[in-house]
Amino acid sequence: MEFLQPSTWPEALQMKLANPDATPIAGGTDVMVEINLDRHRPSAIIDLTRITDLNEWGMEDGLLRIGAGVTYARIIDELGDKLPGLAMASRTVGSPQIRNRGTVGGNLGSASPAGDAHPPLLASDALVELVSSGGTRRLPAREFFTGPKRNAMRKDELISAFLIAPAKGPQQFSKVGTRNAMVIAVCSIALAIDSETRHVGTGIGSAAPTPVVATEAERYLEGVLDESGQWDRPSEVDAKALAHFGELVAAAARPIDDVRGTAAYRRHALSVMARRTFGWAWDEYRTRRAA
């Protein structure tokens, strides 16, 4: 196995161009597990830890541009007020040691259906920035995942950043696991209320071949809130409407039976979590409007 260690971003891109099958590594919390268990042994590794550009974040045209090397711990500490949903998800990732090393960029690269960062990115319509020596393109997160542990990256591309709007309303994240800590999700859901566009965003993890969005559920709940005038005069949402919202979220999933849970359990859990996460977010929205 060849070990490559660029010092600059252009150098990294040239190495990727010359070694299209090389696996990039930053925190290594996914890649090293695969190597240690002999599940995957790449021909070459490109170590990106020396590239300082990947560790920076800032505002760009109204969006937060967050470098692929920014760790979960930094997202919690530095961006928790701007991206509460992603910060909630980041707190559920592994142990403090993993959060200090692991990155959202790496989570995107591995493209696991169970990646904890993916549902909040979907719920907030994030973009993934992909760069090659030939140029840059930005792809909606909703189009980035193409299959189990597969994504839309080309052979000569690296993930440089993701772009996401600062929260414009309450956000929530909920996850079911087989124990309370350091656990892969049986299923998870993120929810984001955008009070400006009056949009309810969703993201579902570990319940389909890829992370998915419950588009029909989003449209249904937005319609309920529009028709009842609750965006302007928020009150408690009808229990039957919430139950149907949960059913639509569950219907958007395509789960399987595996060692962590059955498909039926995943659908049931998603329905419950959908109702709860919206309820928590809506209570916060009502409180803000009343203040």
Foldseek 3Di string as FASTA:
>chain_A
DAEAEDQEPLVLLVVLVVVLQEAEDFLCPPVVVCVVVVVDDTPYYYYDNNYCLQCDWDDDPQKIWHHQFHFLVCCLVPVCQQQVALNVLSVQAADPSCRVRHGVQVLLQQQALQRSNLWSLQQQQKWWWKDHNVGIDIHTSQQFRDFHRDGDHDSSIGTTTMIGHGAQADKHKDFDFPDRHRGGGCKIKIWGQHLVVRWIGMWIGNFARGIHTLVVLRVQVSVQCVVVVCSLVPDDRDPVSLLVSLQSQLVRGHHDDDPTHHNVVRSVVSSVVSSVRVVVRSVRSNVVSVD
